[in-house]
């Protein structure tokens, strides 16, 4: 991929490549999809050097382009499925059964988490590889991160609309992760 960009006079810096690969979750189709859109983005803007901010702009546009589908899917999920979805998007497959994550996202016992993940799998939102769940569409997980942040922020704004400062207890953490109550919104 880098050779193809270079061959045509364009270059990705290391952070751009890392952002692209991480966002695509190393799924070849999604790597190609993002790279193709990145190429078009660079061509339209006549950019020769691309960095992580360019990749993020392309990814944001791709997620926005699918937002109607993603929103419809989101609205069809139960509260527990949404919580499991957000927990997987924010914390990853290796942590989803941990007590801390189950408490943070109010997932309940591990058996309930397993049931929610299985139902997301049956809806073709997730799949399983070597015992770990992953999003079939990695951009869907990015949509989920945005949903979590936006819904959390709106809830905070509604709750504290008459106060000048938000208490740290109810604010989204600086790294964008939701606090406990936001996972249920």
N, C-alpha and C. Protein backbone atom coordinates (compact mmCIF):
# COMPACT_ATOMS: atom_id res chain seq x y z
N UNK A 1 0.82 -1.17 0.00
CA UNK A 1 0.00 0.00 0.00
C UNK A 1 0.88 1.26 0.00
N UNK A 2 1.88 1.28 0.87
CA UNK A 2 2.77 2.44 0.91
C UNK A 2 3.48 2.63 -0.42
N UNK A 3 3.86 1.51 -1.03
CA UNK A 3 4.54 1.58 -2.32
C UNK A 3 3.63 2.19 -3.38
N UNK A 4 2.34 1.83 -3.35
CA UNK A 4 1.39 2.39 -4.32
C UNK A 4 1.21 3.90 -4.11
N UNK A 5 1.16 4.32 -2.87
CA UNK A 5 1.06 5.75 -2.60
C UNK A 5 2.33 6.46 -3.10
N UNK A 6 3.52 5.90 -2.74
CA UNK A 6 4.78 6.50 -3.16
C UNK A 6 4.93 6.55 -4.66
N UNK A 7 4.52 5.47 -5.32
CA UNK A 7 4.64 5.37 -6.77
C UNK A 7 3.88 6.51 -7.47
N UNK A 8 2.84 6.98 -6.83
CA UNK A 8 2.03 8.05 -7.42
C UNK A 8 2.29 9.40 -6.76
N UNK A 9 3.43 9.50 -6.05
CA UNK A 9 3.84 10.79 -5.51
C UNK A 9 3.19 11.21 -4.21
N UNK A 10 2.66 10.27 -3.47
CA UNK A 10 2.04 10.58 -2.19
C UNK A 10 2.70 9.74 -1.10
N UNK A 11 2.66 10.25 0.11
CA UNK A 11 3.30 9.52 1.21
C UNK A 11 2.45 9.59 2.47
N UNK A 12 2.46 8.51 3.20
CA UNK A 12 1.81 8.44 4.51
C UNK A 12 2.91 8.45 5.56
N UNK A 13 2.76 9.29 6.59
CA UNK A 13 3.73 9.20 7.66
C UNK A 13 3.37 8.02 8.57
N UNK A 14 4.24 7.71 9.49
CA UNK A 14 4.05 6.55 10.36
C UNK A 14 2.76 6.61 11.16
N UNK A 15 2.41 7.79 11.65
CA UNK A 15 1.18 7.91 12.45
C UNK A 15 -0.05 7.70 11.58
N UNK A 16 0.02 8.12 10.32
CA UNK A 16 -1.12 7.92 9.41
C UNK A 16 -1.34 6.44 9.15
N UNK A 17 -0.25 5.74 8.88
CA UNK A 17 -0.36 4.30 8.63
C UNK A 17 -0.88 3.57 9.86
N UNK A 18 -0.36 3.92 11.02
CA UNK A 18 -0.80 3.28 12.26
C UNK A 18 -2.29 3.55 12.51
N UNK A 19 -2.72 4.79 12.30
CA UNK A 19 -4.13 5.14 12.48
C UNK A 19 -5.01 4.37 11.52
N UNK A 20 -4.58 4.28 10.27
CA UNK A 20 -5.35 3.54 9.26
C UNK A 20 -5.49 2.07 9.65
N UNK A 21 -4.39 1.44 10.00
CA UNK A 21 -4.41 0.01 10.32
C UNK A 21 -5.20 -0.27 11.60
N UNK A 22 -5.03 0.58 12.60
CA UNK A 22 -5.78 0.39 13.85
C UNK A 22 -7.28 0.62 13.65
N UNK A 23 -7.62 1.62 12.88
CA UNK A 23 -9.03 1.90 12.63
C UNK A 23 -9.70 0.79 11.84
N UNK A 24 -8.94 0.18 10.94
CA UNK A 24 -9.47 -0.92 10.13
C UNK A 24 -9.39 -2.25 10.86
N UNK A 25 -8.82 -2.24 12.05
CA UNK A 25 -8.67 -3.45 12.86
C UNK A 25 -7.94 -4.55 12.07
N UNK A 26 -7.05 -4.11 11.20
CA UNK A 26 -6.23 -5.00 10.36
C UNK A 26 -7.05 -5.91 9.44
N UNK A 27 -8.31 -5.58 9.23
CA UNK A 27 -9.17 -6.35 8.33
C UNK A 27 -8.87 -5.88 6.90
N UNK A 28 -8.38 -6.77 6.05
CA UNK A 28 -7.93 -6.34 4.71
C UNK A 28 -8.95 -5.51 3.93
N UNK A 29 -10.21 -5.90 3.94
CA UNK A 29 -11.22 -5.14 3.21
C UNK A 29 -11.29 -3.71 3.73
N UNK A 30 -11.28 -3.56 5.04
CA UNK A 30 -11.41 -2.23 5.63
C UNK A 30 -10.15 -1.40 5.45
N UNK A 31 -8.99 -2.04 5.47
CA UNK A 31 -7.74 -1.33 5.16
C UNK A 31 -7.83 -0.76 3.75
N UNK A 32 -8.27 -1.60 2.81
CA UNK A 32 -8.39 -1.18 1.42
C UNK A 32 -9.44 -0.06 1.27
N UNK A 33 -10.57 -0.21 1.96
CA UNK A 33 -11.64 0.79 1.88
C UNK A 33 -11.15 2.15 2.36
N UNK A 34 -10.48 2.17 3.51
CA UNK A 34 -9.99 3.44 4.06
C UNK A 34 -8.87 4.00 3.18
N UNK A 35 -7.97 3.13 2.72
CA UNK A 35 -6.87 3.58 1.85
C UNK A 35 -7.41 4.18 0.55
N UNK A 36 -8.43 3.55 -0.03
CA UNK A 36 -9.02 4.06 -1.26
C UNK A 36 -9.62 5.46 -1.04
N UNK A 37 -10.36 5.61 0.05
CA UNK A 37 -10.95 6.90 0.37
C UNK A 37 -9.88 7.94 0.70
N UNK A 38 -8.81 7.50 1.33
CA UNK A 38 -7.70 8.39 1.64
C UNK A 38 -7.03 8.88 0.36
N UNK A 39 -6.89 7.97 -0.61
CA UNK A 39 -6.32 8.35 -1.90
C UNK A 39 -7.19 9.42 -2.57
N UNK A 40 -8.50 9.21 -2.59
CA UNK A 40 -9.42 10.19 -3.18
C UNK A 40 -9.34 11.52 -2.43
N UNK A 41 -9.29 11.45 -1.14
CA UNK A 41 -9.17 12.64 -0.29
C UNK A 41 -7.92 13.43 -0.66
N UNK A 42 -6.79 12.73 -0.78
CA UNK A 42 -5.52 13.38 -1.13
C UNK A 42 -5.57 13.98 -2.52
N UNK A 43 -6.18 13.27 -3.43
CA UNK A 43 -6.27 13.74 -4.82
C UNK A 43 -7.10 15.02 -4.91
N UNK A 44 -8.26 15.03 -4.26
CA UNK A 44 -9.14 16.20 -4.30
C UNK A 44 -8.46 17.41 -3.67
N UNK A 45 -7.70 17.19 -2.62
CA UNK A 45 -7.04 18.28 -1.90
C UNK A 45 -5.62 18.54 -2.39
N UNK A 46 -5.20 17.77 -3.38
CA UNK A 46 -3.85 17.87 -3.93
C UNK A 46 -2.79 17.79 -2.83
N UNK A 47 -2.98 16.83 -1.92
CA UNK A 47 -2.04 16.64 -0.81
C UNK A 47 -1.04 15.55 -1.18
N UNK A 48 0.21 15.82 -0.93
CA UNK A 48 1.27 14.84 -1.20
C UNK A 48 1.66 14.08 0.07
N UNK A 49 1.63 14.75 1.20
CA UNK A 49 2.00 14.15 2.48
C UNK A 49 0.76 14.03 3.34
N UNK A 50 0.47 12.82 3.79
CA UNK A 50 -0.72 12.56 4.60
C UNK A 50 -0.32 12.15 6.01
N UNK A 51 -1.03 12.67 6.98
CA UNK A 51 -0.75 12.32 8.37
C UNK A 51 -2.00 11.75 9.03
N UNK A 52 -1.90 11.50 10.32
CA UNK A 52 -3.02 10.88 11.06
C UNK A 52 -4.28 11.73 11.00
N UNK A 53 -4.15 13.03 11.00
CA UNK A 53 -5.35 13.88 10.94
C UNK A 53 -6.09 13.70 9.62
N UNK A 54 -5.35 13.45 8.53
CA UNK A 54 -6.00 13.18 7.24
C UNK A 54 -6.75 11.86 7.29
N UNK A 55 -6.14 10.85 7.87
CA UNK A 55 -6.79 9.54 8.00
C UNK A 55 -8.04 9.68 8.86
N UNK A 56 -7.93 10.42 9.96
CA UNK A 56 -9.10 10.62 10.83
C UNK A 56 -10.22 11.35 10.11
N UNK A 57 -9.88 12.31 9.27
CA UNK A 57 -10.91 13.01 8.48
C UNK A 57 -11.63 12.06 7.55
N UNK A 58 -10.86 11.18 6.90
CA UNK A 58 -11.46 10.19 6.00
C UNK A 58 -12.35 9.23 6.77
N UNK A 59 -11.88 8.77 7.91
CA UNK A 59 -12.65 7.83 8.72
C UNK A 59 -13.93 8.49 9.22
N UNK A 60 -13.83 9.74 9.66
CA UNK A 60 -15.03 10.46 10.10
C UNK A 60 -16.05 10.56 8.96
N UNK A 61 -15.56 10.81 7.75
CA UNK A 61 -16.46 10.90 6.59
C UNK A 61 -17.10 9.54 6.29
N UNK A 62 -16.31 8.48 6.39
CA UNK A 62 -16.85 7.14 6.16
C UNK A 62 -17.92 6.78 7.20
N UNK A 63 -17.64 7.08 8.45
CA UNK A 63 -18.61 6.80 9.52
C UNK A 63 -19.86 7.65 9.30
N UNK A 64 -19.69 8.91 8.95
CA UNK A 64 -20.84 9.78 8.70
C UNK A 64 -21.67 9.26 7.52
N UNK A 65 -21.00 8.72 6.52
CA UNK A 65 -21.71 8.18 5.36
C UNK A 65 -22.54 6.95 5.69
N UNK A 66 -22.16 6.25 6.73
CA UNK A 66 -22.89 5.06 7.16
C UNK A 66 -23.77 5.33 8.37
N UNK A 67 -23.84 6.58 8.80
CA UNK A 67 -24.50 6.88 10.08
C UNK A 67 -25.98 6.52 10.11
N UNK A 68 -26.68 6.64 8.99
CA UNK A 68 -28.10 6.25 9.00
C UNK A 68 -28.25 4.77 9.31
N UNK A 69 -27.45 3.95 8.65
CA UNK A 69 -27.48 2.51 8.90
C UNK A 69 -27.06 2.21 10.34
N UNK A 70 -25.96 2.83 10.78
CA UNK A 70 -25.46 2.58 12.13
C UNK A 70 -26.48 3.01 13.18
N UNK A 71 -27.09 4.15 12.98
CA UNK A 71 -28.09 4.65 13.94
C UNK A 71 -29.30 3.73 14.01
N UNK A 72 -29.76 3.26 12.87
CA UNK A 72 -30.89 2.33 12.84
C UNK A 72 -30.53 1.04 13.59
N UNK A 73 -29.36 0.53 13.35
CA UNK A 73 -28.90 -0.67 14.06
C UNK A 73 -28.83 -0.41 15.55
N UNK A 74 -28.25 0.72 15.94
CA UNK A 74 -28.12 1.09 17.35
C UNK A 74 -29.49 1.14 18.03
N UNK A 75 -30.44 1.76 17.37
CA UNK A 75 -31.77 1.91 17.95
C UNK A 75 -32.48 0.57 18.14
N UNK A 76 -32.10 -0.43 17.37
CA UNK A 76 -32.72 -1.75 17.48
C UNK A 76 -32.11 -2.61 18.58
N UNK A 77 -31.02 -2.16 19.17
CA UNK A 77 -30.36 -2.94 20.22
C UNK A 77 -31.02 -2.71 21.57
N UNK A 78 -31.04 -3.75 22.37
CA UNK A 78 -31.55 -3.62 23.74
C UNK A 78 -30.52 -2.85 24.58
N UNK A 79 -30.91 -2.43 25.75
CA UNK A 79 -30.01 -1.70 26.64
C UNK A 79 -28.77 -2.53 26.98
N UNK A 80 -28.96 -3.81 27.24
CA UNK A 80 -27.82 -4.67 27.58
C UNK A 80 -26.91 -4.86 26.36
N UNK A 81 -27.50 -5.00 25.17
CA UNK A 81 -26.69 -5.12 23.95
C UNK A 81 -25.89 -3.84 23.72
N UNK A 82 -26.52 -2.70 23.95
CA UNK A 82 -25.80 -1.42 23.79
C UNK A 82 -24.65 -1.32 24.77
N UNK A 83 -24.90 -1.71 26.00
CA UNK A 83 -23.85 -1.65 27.01
C UNK A 83 -22.69 -2.57 26.64
N UNK A 84 -23.00 -3.78 26.18
CA UNK A 84 -21.95 -4.72 25.76
C UNK A 84 -21.21 -4.18 24.54
N UNK A 85 -21.94 -3.60 23.62
CA UNK A 85 -21.37 -2.98 22.42
C UNK A 85 -20.35 -1.91 22.83
N UNK A 86 -20.79 -0.99 23.73
CA UNK A 86 -19.90 0.09 24.17
C UNK A 86 -18.71 -0.44 24.95
N UNK A 87 -18.94 -1.44 25.80
CA UNK A 87 -17.84 -2.01 26.56
C UNK A 87 -16.80 -2.61 25.62
N UNK A 88 -17.25 -3.32 24.60
CA UNK A 88 -16.32 -3.91 23.64
C UNK A 88 -15.60 -2.82 22.85
N UNK A 89 -16.32 -1.78 22.44
CA UNK A 89 -15.71 -0.69 21.68
C UNK A 89 -14.69 0.07 22.52
N UNK A 90 -15.01 0.34 23.77
CA UNK A 90 -14.12 1.12 24.63
C UNK A 90 -13.00 0.31 25.26
N UNK A 91 -13.28 -0.90 25.67
CA UNK A 91 -12.30 -1.66 26.44
C UNK A 91 -11.69 -2.86 25.72
N UNK A 92 -12.33 -3.33 24.68
CA UNK A 92 -11.79 -4.45 23.92
C UNK A 92 -12.22 -5.79 24.46
N UNK A 93 -11.98 -6.80 23.64
CA UNK A 93 -12.43 -8.16 23.95
C UNK A 93 -11.74 -8.75 25.17
N UNK A 94 -10.48 -8.41 25.38
CA UNK A 94 -9.74 -9.04 26.48
C UNK A 94 -10.23 -8.60 27.85
N UNK A 95 -10.90 -7.45 27.92
CA UNK A 95 -11.32 -6.93 29.22
C UNK A 95 -12.81 -7.02 29.47
N UNK A 96 -13.58 -7.44 28.49
CA UNK A 96 -15.03 -7.31 28.60
C UNK A 96 -15.65 -8.11 29.75
N UNK A 97 -15.02 -9.19 30.16
CA UNK A 97 -15.57 -9.99 31.25
C UNK A 97 -15.02 -9.60 32.61
N UNK A 98 -14.10 -8.66 32.66
CA UNK A 98 -13.52 -8.28 33.94
C UNK A 98 -14.57 -7.61 34.83
N UNK A 99 -14.39 -7.75 36.10
CA UNK A 99 -15.33 -7.17 37.06
C UNK A 99 -15.40 -5.66 36.88
N UNK A 100 -14.25 -5.01 36.70
CA UNK A 100 -14.23 -3.55 36.55
C UNK A 100 -15.04 -3.10 35.34
N UNK A 101 -14.87 -3.76 34.21
CA UNK A 101 -15.60 -3.38 33.00
C UNK A 101 -17.08 -3.69 33.16
N UNK A 102 -17.40 -4.83 33.74
CA UNK A 102 -18.82 -5.17 33.94
C UNK A 102 -19.50 -4.16 34.86
N UNK A 103 -18.78 -3.67 35.86
CA UNK A 103 -19.34 -2.64 36.74
C UNK A 103 -19.42 -1.29 36.03
N UNK A 104 -18.35 -0.92 35.33
CA UNK A 104 -18.31 0.37 34.65
C UNK A 104 -19.45 0.53 33.65
N UNK A 105 -19.74 -0.53 32.92
CA UNK A 105 -20.77 -0.47 31.88
C UNK A 105 -22.09 -1.10 32.33
N UNK A 106 -22.16 -1.45 33.62
CA UNK A 106 -23.37 -2.04 34.19
C UNK A 106 -23.86 -3.24 33.38
N UNK A 107 -22.95 -4.13 33.13
CA UNK A 107 -23.25 -5.30 32.29
C UNK A 107 -23.88 -6.45 33.05
N UNK A 108 -23.71 -6.47 34.35
CA UNK A 108 -24.23 -7.58 35.13
C UNK A 108 -23.25 -8.74 35.14
N UNK A 109 -23.74 -9.91 35.50
CA UNK A 109 -22.84 -11.07 35.58
C UNK A 109 -22.32 -11.49 34.21
N UNK A 110 -21.23 -12.24 34.24
CA UNK A 110 -20.57 -12.68 33.00
C UNK A 110 -21.53 -13.45 32.09
N UNK A 111 -22.47 -14.17 32.66
CA UNK A 111 -23.42 -14.92 31.83
C UNK A 111 -24.30 -13.97 31.00
N UNK A 112 -24.65 -12.82 31.58
CA UNK A 112 -25.44 -11.82 30.85
C UNK A 112 -24.60 -11.17 29.75
N UNK A 113 -23.32 -10.96 30.04
CA UNK A 113 -22.41 -10.40 29.03
C UNK A 113 -22.32 -11.37 27.86
N UNK A 114 -22.13 -12.63 28.18
CA UNK A 114 -22.02 -13.66 27.13
C UNK A 114 -23.28 -13.69 26.27
N UNK A 115 -24.42 -13.62 26.91
CA UNK A 115 -25.68 -13.64 26.17
C UNK A 115 -25.81 -12.41 25.26
N UNK A 116 -25.44 -11.23 25.76
CA UNK A 116 -25.50 -10.01 24.95
C UNK A 116 -24.55 -10.11 23.76
N UNK A 117 -23.34 -10.61 23.99
CA UNK A 117 -22.37 -10.76 22.90
C UNK A 117 -22.86 -11.77 21.86
N UNK A 118 -23.44 -12.87 22.32
CA UNK A 118 -23.98 -13.86 21.39
C UNK A 118 -25.11 -13.27 20.55
N UNK A 119 -25.94 -12.46 21.17
CA UNK A 119 -27.04 -11.85 20.40
C UNK A 119 -26.50 -10.84 19.39
N UNK A 120 -25.43 -10.11 19.74
CA UNK A 120 -24.80 -9.20 18.78
C UNK A 120 -24.14 -9.98 17.64
N UNK A 121 -23.62 -11.14 17.98
CA UNK A 121 -23.04 -12.03 16.96
C UNK A 121 -24.13 -12.53 16.01
N UNK A 122 -25.26 -12.91 16.56
CA UNK A 122 -26.35 -13.42 15.72
C UNK A 122 -26.94 -12.32 14.82
N UNK A 123 -26.76 -11.07 15.20
CA UNK A 123 -27.22 -9.93 14.38
C UNK A 123 -26.15 -9.48 13.38
N UNK A 124 -25.04 -10.20 13.33
CA UNK A 124 -23.91 -9.87 12.45
C UNK A 124 -23.27 -8.52 12.77
N UNK A 125 -23.34 -8.13 14.03
CA UNK A 125 -22.63 -6.94 14.49
C UNK A 125 -21.21 -7.36 14.89
N UNK A 126 -21.12 -8.51 15.53
CA UNK A 126 -19.84 -9.06 15.99
C UNK A 126 -19.60 -10.41 15.36
N UNK A 127 -18.36 -10.84 15.46
CA UNK A 127 -17.99 -12.21 15.13
C UNK A 127 -16.98 -12.63 16.18
N UNK A 128 -16.62 -13.88 16.13
CA UNK A 128 -15.71 -14.43 17.13
C UNK A 128 -14.56 -15.12 16.44
N UNK A 129 -13.35 -14.87 16.93
CA UNK A 129 -12.16 -15.52 16.41
C UNK A 129 -11.29 -15.92 17.59
N UNK A 130 -10.98 -17.20 17.66
CA UNK A 130 -10.17 -17.75 18.76
C UNK A 130 -10.71 -17.31 20.12
N UNK A 131 -12.03 -17.35 20.25
CA UNK A 131 -12.67 -17.07 21.53
C UNK A 131 -12.89 -15.60 21.84
N UNK A 132 -12.42 -14.70 21.00
CA UNK A 132 -12.58 -13.27 21.25
C UNK A 132 -13.52 -12.64 20.23
N UNK A 133 -14.38 -11.78 20.72
CA UNK A 133 -15.31 -11.09 19.84
C UNK A 133 -14.64 -9.87 19.23
N UNK A 134 -15.06 -9.55 18.00
CA UNK A 134 -14.61 -8.35 17.32
C UNK A 134 -15.74 -7.83 16.45
N UNK A 135 -15.69 -6.55 16.12
CA UNK A 135 -16.70 -5.94 15.26
C UNK A 135 -16.45 -6.36 13.82
N UNK A 136 -17.50 -6.85 13.15
CA UNK A 136 -17.37 -7.20 11.74
C UNK A 136 -17.03 -5.97 10.91
N UNK A 137 -17.58 -4.84 11.27
CA UNK A 137 -17.27 -3.56 10.63
C UNK A 137 -16.58 -2.70 11.67
N UNK A 138 -15.26 -2.54 11.57
CA UNK A 138 -14.55 -1.76 12.59
C UNK A 138 -15.01 -0.31 12.67
N UNK A 139 -15.57 0.21 11.59
CA UNK A 139 -16.08 1.58 11.64
C UNK A 139 -17.33 1.67 12.50
N UNK A 140 -18.04 0.57 12.63
CA UNK A 140 -19.20 0.53 13.51
C UNK A 140 -18.76 0.75 14.97
N UNK A 141 -17.63 0.19 15.35
CA UNK A 141 -17.15 0.41 16.72
C UNK A 141 -16.79 1.88 16.91
N UNK A 142 -16.25 2.53 15.88
CA UNK A 142 -15.95 3.96 15.97
C UNK A 142 -17.23 4.78 16.09
N UNK A 143 -18.26 4.37 15.38
CA UNK A 143 -19.57 5.00 15.52
C UNK A 143 -20.04 4.85 16.98
N UNK A 144 -19.88 3.66 17.54
CA UNK A 144 -20.27 3.42 18.93
C UNK A 144 -19.52 4.31 19.90
N UNK A 145 -18.23 4.52 19.65
CA UNK A 145 -17.46 5.42 20.51
C UNK A 145 -18.03 6.84 20.44
N UNK A 146 -18.40 7.26 19.24
CA UNK A 146 -19.00 8.58 19.09
C UNK A 146 -20.35 8.66 19.77
N UNK A 147 -21.16 7.63 19.62
CA UNK A 147 -22.47 7.60 20.28
C UNK A 147 -22.29 7.70 21.78
N UNK A 148 -21.38 6.92 22.31
CA UNK A 148 -21.12 6.95 23.75
C UNK A 148 -20.71 8.33 24.22
N UNK A 149 -19.79 8.96 23.50
CA UNK A 149 -19.33 10.30 23.89
C UNK A 149 -20.45 11.33 23.78
N UNK A 150 -21.17 11.32 22.66
CA UNK A 150 -22.22 12.33 22.45
C UNK A 150 -23.37 12.16 23.42
N UNK A 151 -23.80 10.94 23.63
CA UNK A 151 -24.92 10.72 24.56
C UNK A 151 -24.51 11.06 25.98
N UNK A 152 -23.29 10.73 26.32
CA UNK A 152 -22.77 11.06 27.65
C UNK A 152 -22.74 12.57 27.82
N UNK A 153 -22.21 13.27 26.83
CA UNK A 153 -22.11 14.72 26.92
C UNK A 153 -23.49 15.37 27.00
N UNK A 154 -24.44 14.89 26.20
CA UNK A 154 -25.80 15.45 26.25
C UNK A 154 -26.44 15.22 27.61
N UNK A 155 -26.24 14.04 28.18
CA UNK A 155 -26.80 13.75 29.50
C UNK A 155 -26.19 14.66 30.56
N UNK A 156 -24.91 14.88 30.46
CA UNK A 156 -24.23 15.77 31.40
C UNK A 156 -24.77 17.18 31.26
N UNK A 157 -24.90 17.64 30.02
CA UNK A 157 -25.40 18.99 29.78
C UNK A 157 -26.82 19.16 30.30
N UNK A 158 -27.67 18.15 30.08
CA UNK A 158 -29.05 18.22 30.59
C UNK A 158 -29.06 18.26 32.12
N UNK A 159 -28.23 17.40 32.71
CA UNK A 159 -28.21 17.26 34.17
C UNK A 159 -27.69 18.53 34.85
N UNK A 160 -26.71 19.16 34.23
CA UNK A 160 -26.06 20.30 34.86
C UNK A 160 -26.32 21.60 34.11
N UNK A 161 -27.42 21.70 33.39
CA UNK A 161 -27.67 22.86 32.53
C UNK A 161 -27.70 24.17 33.31
N UNK A 162 -28.02 24.13 34.59
CA UNK A 162 -28.10 25.37 35.38
C UNK A 162 -26.86 25.60 36.23
N UNK A 163 -25.86 24.76 36.09
CA UNK A 163 -24.65 24.93 36.88
C UNK A 163 -23.50 25.34 35.97
N UNK A 164 -22.62 26.17 36.52
CA UNK A 164 -21.48 26.64 35.73
C UNK A 164 -20.43 25.56 35.54
N UNK A 165 -20.20 24.75 36.57
CA UNK A 165 -19.16 23.74 36.48
C UNK A 165 -19.76 22.36 36.65
N UNK A 166 -19.19 21.41 35.93
CA UNK A 166 -19.60 20.02 36.07
C UNK A 166 -18.74 19.37 37.15
N UNK A 167 -19.36 18.58 37.98
CA UNK A 167 -18.55 17.87 38.95
C UNK A 167 -17.78 16.78 38.23
N UNK A 168 -16.60 16.49 38.73
CA UNK A 168 -15.75 15.48 38.09
C UNK A 168 -16.44 14.12 38.08
N UNK A 169 -17.30 13.89 39.06
CA UNK A 169 -18.01 12.62 39.16
C UNK A 169 -18.86 12.33 37.93
N UNK A 170 -19.42 13.36 37.32
CA UNK A 170 -20.33 13.17 36.21
C UNK A 170 -19.73 13.51 34.85
N UNK A 171 -18.54 13.99 34.80
CA UNK A 171 -17.95 14.39 33.52
C UNK A 171 -17.35 13.19 32.80
N UNK A 172 -17.38 13.24 31.47
CA UNK A 172 -16.67 12.22 30.70
C UNK A 172 -15.19 12.36 31.02
N UNK A 173 -14.52 11.27 31.10
CA UNK A 173 -13.10 11.33 31.37
C UNK A 173 -12.38 11.95 30.19
N UNK A 174 -11.19 12.49 30.43
CA UNK A 174 -10.49 13.23 29.38
C UNK A 174 -10.11 12.37 28.19
N UNK A 175 -10.01 11.07 28.37
CA UNK A 175 -9.68 10.22 27.23
C UNK A 175 -10.93 9.79 26.47
N UNK A 176 -12.08 10.37 26.80
CA UNK A 176 -13.31 10.11 26.05
C UNK A 176 -14.12 8.94 26.53
N UNK A 177 -13.62 8.19 27.53
CA UNK A 177 -14.39 7.05 28.01
C UNK A 177 -15.57 7.54 28.83
N UNK A 178 -16.70 6.83 28.75
CA UNK A 178 -17.85 7.29 29.52
C UNK A 178 -17.72 6.91 30.98
N UNK A 179 -18.34 7.69 31.83
CA UNK A 179 -18.44 7.29 33.23
C UNK A 179 -19.59 6.30 33.33
N UNK A 180 -19.76 5.70 34.48
CA UNK A 180 -20.71 4.62 34.65
C UNK A 180 -22.09 4.89 34.07
N UNK A 181 -22.72 5.98 34.45
CA UNK A 181 -24.11 6.14 34.05
C UNK A 181 -24.26 6.36 32.56
N UNK A 182 -23.22 6.82 31.89
CA UNK A 182 -23.34 7.11 30.46
C UNK A 182 -23.52 5.85 29.63
N UNK A 183 -23.06 4.73 30.09
CA UNK A 183 -23.19 3.49 29.32
C UNK A 183 -24.66 3.06 29.19
N UNK A 184 -25.51 3.56 30.07
CA UNK A 184 -26.91 3.17 30.03
C UNK A 184 -27.78 4.11 29.20
N UNK A 185 -27.21 5.18 28.72
CA UNK A 185 -27.99 6.20 28.01
C UNK A 185 -28.34 5.72 26.61
